[in-house]
Amino acid sequence: MADLVVVLRSLNEAPWAEWVEQERQRIEIGDAYGIEHFLAAFGGMGSLNDLNVDGRTREMISRCCSLAREIQRDLGRQDP
């Protein structure tokens, strides 16, 4: 996610870079809301999926989304 932040900033996508960075920090400290909020960036019009980016960046976005979903599933398995 840190690499994605750098790429988004280089593409002048500061709002998305800030969003990803904020959620990356939350996830890093174990705040599950960071995962939920990050994944919310992938739904509907005007979402992170709608950015006009190259294939490498698209893959990076997809990988971050997949990893967040994996973490979310793993956290669900840990609930009592």
C-alpha atoms as a PDB file:
ATOM      1  CA  MET A   1       0.000   0.000   0.000  1.00  0.00           C
ATOM      2  CA  ALA A   2       2.906   2.358   0.676  1.00  0.00           C
ATOM      3  CA  ASP A   3       4.083   1.888  -2.915  1.00  0.00           C
ATOM      4  CA  LEU A   4       0.571   2.573  -4.167  1.00  0.00           C
ATOM      5  CA  VAL A   5       0.546   5.853  -2.232  1.00  0.00           C
ATOM      6  CA  VAL A   6       3.766   6.915  -3.967  1.00  0.00           C
ATOM      7  CA  VAL A   7       2.389   5.998  -7.390  1.00  0.00           C
ATOM      8  CA  LEU A   8      -0.913   7.799  -6.789  1.00  0.00           C
ATOM      9  CA  ARG A   9       0.931  10.931  -5.717  1.00  0.00           C
ATOM     10  CA  SER A  10       3.092  10.765  -8.835  1.00  0.00           C
ATOM     11  CA  LEU A  11      -0.105  10.613 -10.908  1.00  0.00           C
ATOM     12  CA  ASN A  12      -1.474  13.728  -9.177  1.00  0.00           C
ATOM     13  CA  GLU A  13      -4.155  11.654  -7.459  1.00  0.00           C
ATOM     14  CA  ALA A  14      -3.562  13.279  -4.066  1.00  0.00           C
ATOM     15  CA  PRO A  15      -7.046  12.559  -2.630  1.00  0.00           C
ATOM     16  CA  TRP A  16      -6.686   8.854  -3.396  1.00  0.00           C
ATOM     17  CA  ALA A  17      -3.116   8.822  -2.128  1.00  0.00           C
ATOM     18  CA  GLU A  18      -4.258  10.367   1.154  1.00  0.00           C
ATOM     19  CA  TRP A  19      -7.139   7.876   1.437  1.00  0.00           C
ATOM     20  CA  VAL A  20      -4.855   4.877   0.899  1.00  0.00           C
ATOM     21  CA  GLU A  21      -2.189   6.252   3.248  1.00  0.00           C
ATOM     22  CA  GLN A  22      -4.702   6.857   6.031  1.00  0.00           C
ATOM     23  CA  GLU A  23      -6.094   3.350   5.759  1.00  0.00           C
ATOM     24  CA  ARG A  24      -2.605   1.845   5.434  1.00  0.00           C
ATOM     25  CA  GLN A  25      -1.691   3.443   8.747  1.00  0.00           C
ATOM     26  CA  ARG A  26      -4.868   2.132  10.383  1.00  0.00           C
ATOM     27  CA  ILE A  27      -4.252  -1.373   9.095  1.00  0.00           C
ATOM     28  CA  GLU A  28      -0.634  -1.220  10.247  1.00  0.00           C
ATOM     29  CA  ILE A  29      -1.709  -0.600  13.858  1.00  0.00           C
ATOM     30  CA  GLY A  30      -4.329  -3.352  13.697  1.00  0.00           C
ATOM     31  CA  ASP A  31      -7.427  -1.183  13.258  1.00  0.00           C
ATOM     32  CA  ALA A  32      -9.883  -3.373  11.325  1.00  0.00           C
ATOM     33  CA  TYR A  33     -11.859  -0.293  10.273  1.00  0.00           C
ATOM     34  CA  GLY A  34      -8.921   0.616   8.027  1.00  0.00           C
ATOM     35  CA  ILE A  35      -9.553  -2.525   6.009  1.00  0.00           C
ATOM     36  CA  GLU A  36     -13.283  -1.877   5.706  1.00  0.00           C
ATOM     37  CA  HIS A  37     -12.751   1.747   4.742  1.00  0.00           C
ATOM     38  CA  PHE A  38     -10.034   0.871   2.225  1.00  0.00           C
ATOM     39  CA  LEU A  39     -12.277  -1.729   0.590  1.00  0.00           C
ATOM     40  CA  ALA A  40     -15.069   0.850   0.363  1.00  0.00           C
ATOM     41  CA  ALA A  41     -12.869   2.638  -2.200  1.00  0.00           C
ATOM     42  CA  PHE A  42     -13.644  -0.117  -4.715  1.00  0.00           C
ATOM     43  CA  GLY A  43     -17.399   0.231  -5.074  1.00  0.00           C
ATOM     44  CA  GLY A  44     -19.559   2.432  -7.230  1.00  0.00           C
ATOM     45  CA  MET A  45     -18.856   5.266  -9.614  1.00  0.00           C
ATOM     46  CA  GLY A  46     -15.806   7.380  -8.955  1.00  0.00           C
ATOM     47  CA  SER A  47     -14.082   4.541  -7.146  1.00  0.00           C
ATOM     48  CA  LEU A  48     -10.423   3.663  -7.115  1.00  0.00           C
ATOM     49  CA  ASN A  49     -11.209   1.160  -9.870  1.00  0.00           C
ATOM     50  CA  ASP A  50     -12.229   4.019 -12.163  1.00  0.00           C
ATOM     51  CA  LEU A  51      -8.818   5.686 -12.252  1.00  0.00           C
ATOM     52  CA  ASN A  52      -7.259   5.887 -15.699  1.00  0.00           C
ATOM     53  CA  VAL A  53      -3.904   4.251 -14.945  1.00  0.00           C
ATOM     54  CA  ASP A  54      -1.409   1.960 -16.654  1.00  0.00           C
ATOM     55  CA  GLY A  55      -1.418  -1.816 -16.278  1.00  0.00           C
ATOM     56  CA  ARG A  56       1.264  -1.905 -13.603  1.00  0.00           C
ATOM     57  CA  THR A  57      -0.642   0.549 -11.418  1.00  0.00           C
ATOM     58  CA  ARG A  58      -3.908  -1.293 -12.067  1.00  0.00           C
ATOM     59  CA  GLU A  59      -2.217  -4.508 -10.906  1.00  0.00           C
ATOM     60  CA  MET A  60      -0.903  -2.762  -7.790  1.00  0.00           C
ATOM     61  CA  ILE A  61      -4.405  -1.501  -6.957  1.00  0.00           C
ATOM     62  CA  SER A  62      -5.843  -4.967  -7.527  1.00  0.00           C
ATOM     63  CA  ARG A  63      -3.193  -6.600  -5.352  1.00  0.00           C
ATOM     64  CA  CYS A  64      -3.814  -4.164  -2.488  1.00  0.00           C
ATOM     65  CA  CYS A  65      -7.530  -4.889  -2.708  1.00  0.00           C
ATOM     66  CA  SER A  66      -6.922  -8.650  -2.694  1.00  0.00           C
ATOM     67  CA  LEU A  67      -4.599  -8.423   0.305  1.00  0.00           C
ATOM     68  CA  ALA A  68      -7.105  -6.314   2.232  1.00  0.00           C
ATOM     69  CA  ARG A  69      -9.820  -8.887   1.530  1.00  0.00           C
ATOM     70  CA  GLU A  70      -7.509 -11.680   2.726  1.00  0.00           C
ATOM     71  CA  ILE A  71      -6.816  -9.794   5.951  1.00  0.00           C
ATOM     72  CA  GLN A  72     -10.529  -9.172   6.407  1.00  0.00           C
ATOM     73  CA  ARG A  73     -11.281 -12.896   5.972  1.00  0.00           C
ATOM     74  CA  ASP A  74      -8.499 -13.843   8.374  1.00  0.00           C
ATOM     75  CA  LEU A  75      -9.821 -11.435  11.007  1.00  0.00           C
ATOM     76  CA  GLY A  76     -13.287 -12.937  10.612  1.00  0.00           C
ATOM     77  CA  ARG A  77     -11.864 -16.377  11.359  1.00  0.00           C
ATOM     78  CA  GLN A  78     -10.292 -15.111  14.588  1.00  0.00           C
ATOM     79  CA  ASP A  79     -13.583 -13.906  16.096  1.00  0.00           C
ATOM     80  CA  PRO A  80     -14.752 -16.041  19.042  1.00  0.00           C
END
